[in-house]
Amino acid sequence: MSRKPVLDQSVCIGCETCTRICPEVFHMVSEHLAGIHDPHGASEEKIEEAMDNCPVACINWDD
């Protein structure tokens, strides 16, 4: 079973980094808030790239 990313919206600053790196998984819910529309839409490596580049580290794995 593959891991599922979770995004802590209380920490998200809406920088859009995750949506630029991995739009298959992440999308903007509003002007200042990202969300996950398909947690299995990309490889774990691509999701981890979005995680690693998030300036507030609000994306993690739900293990």
Protein backbone atom coordinates (compact mmCIF):
# COMPACT_ATOMS: atom_id res chain seq x y z
CA MET A 1 0.00 0.00 0.00
CA SER A 2 1.37 3.41 -0.90
CA ARG A 3 1.65 6.20 1.61
CA LYS A 4 -0.83 9.05 1.62
CA PRO A 5 0.21 12.71 1.92
CA VAL A 6 -1.62 15.00 4.34
CA LEU A 7 -1.52 18.78 4.35
CA ASP A 8 -1.94 20.76 7.58
CA GLN A 9 -4.09 23.64 6.35
CA SER A 10 -3.68 25.49 9.66
CA VAL A 11 0.02 25.91 8.78
CA CYS A 12 -0.25 26.39 4.99
CA ILE A 13 0.63 29.90 3.78
CA GLY A 14 -0.68 29.44 0.24
CA CYS A 15 2.70 29.88 -1.46
CA GLU A 16 1.65 27.49 -4.27
CA THR A 17 4.99 25.64 -4.25
CA CYS A 18 3.32 22.24 -3.93
CA THR A 19 0.87 22.99 -6.74
CA ARG A 20 3.68 24.04 -9.08
CA ILE A 21 5.79 20.96 -8.30
CA CYS A 22 3.03 18.37 -8.13
CA PRO A 23 -0.30 19.59 -9.59
CA GLU A 24 -1.45 15.99 -9.97
CA VAL A 25 -1.88 15.87 -6.17
CA PHE A 26 -2.11 19.45 -4.87
CA HIS A 27 -4.41 22.33 -5.79
CA MET A 28 -5.33 25.71 -4.38
CA VAL A 29 -8.52 25.64 -2.32
CA SER A 30 -8.56 29.42 -2.04
CA GLU A 31 -6.16 32.28 -2.67
CA HIS A 32 -4.20 31.50 0.50
CA LEU A 33 -4.76 27.79 1.05
CA ALA A 34 -3.63 24.61 -0.68
CA GLY A 35 -5.36 21.24 -0.56
CA ILE A 36 -5.02 17.68 -1.80
CA HIS A 37 -7.33 16.56 -4.59
CA ASP A 38 -5.73 13.19 -5.45
CA PRO A 39 -3.39 11.78 -2.78
CA HIS A 40 -2.22 9.00 -5.10
CA GLY A 41 -1.99 11.09 -8.28
CA ALA A 42 1.81 11.12 -8.46
CA SER A 43 4.80 9.08 -7.39
CA GLU A 44 6.01 9.22 -3.80
CA GLU A 45 9.22 10.82 -5.08
CA LYS A 46 7.33 13.68 -6.72
CA ILE A 47 5.17 14.20 -3.61
CA GLU A 48 8.32 14.20 -1.46
CA GLU A 49 9.80 16.88 -3.71
CA ALA A 50 6.78 19.05 -2.90
CA MET A 51 7.18 18.22 0.80
CA ASP A 52 10.88 19.07 0.76
CA ASN A 53 10.27 22.42 -0.94
CA CYS A 54 7.36 23.54 1.25
CA PRO A 55 8.68 26.56 3.19
CA VAL A 56 6.51 25.82 6.25
CA ALA A 57 6.72 21.98 6.15
CA CYS A 58 2.95 21.54 6.26
CA ILE A 59 2.92 18.36 4.10
CA ASN A 60 3.67 15.00 5.70
CA TRP A 61 2.94 11.32 5.24
CA ASP A 62 -0.07 9.81 7.00
CA ASP A 63 1.62 6.58 8.06
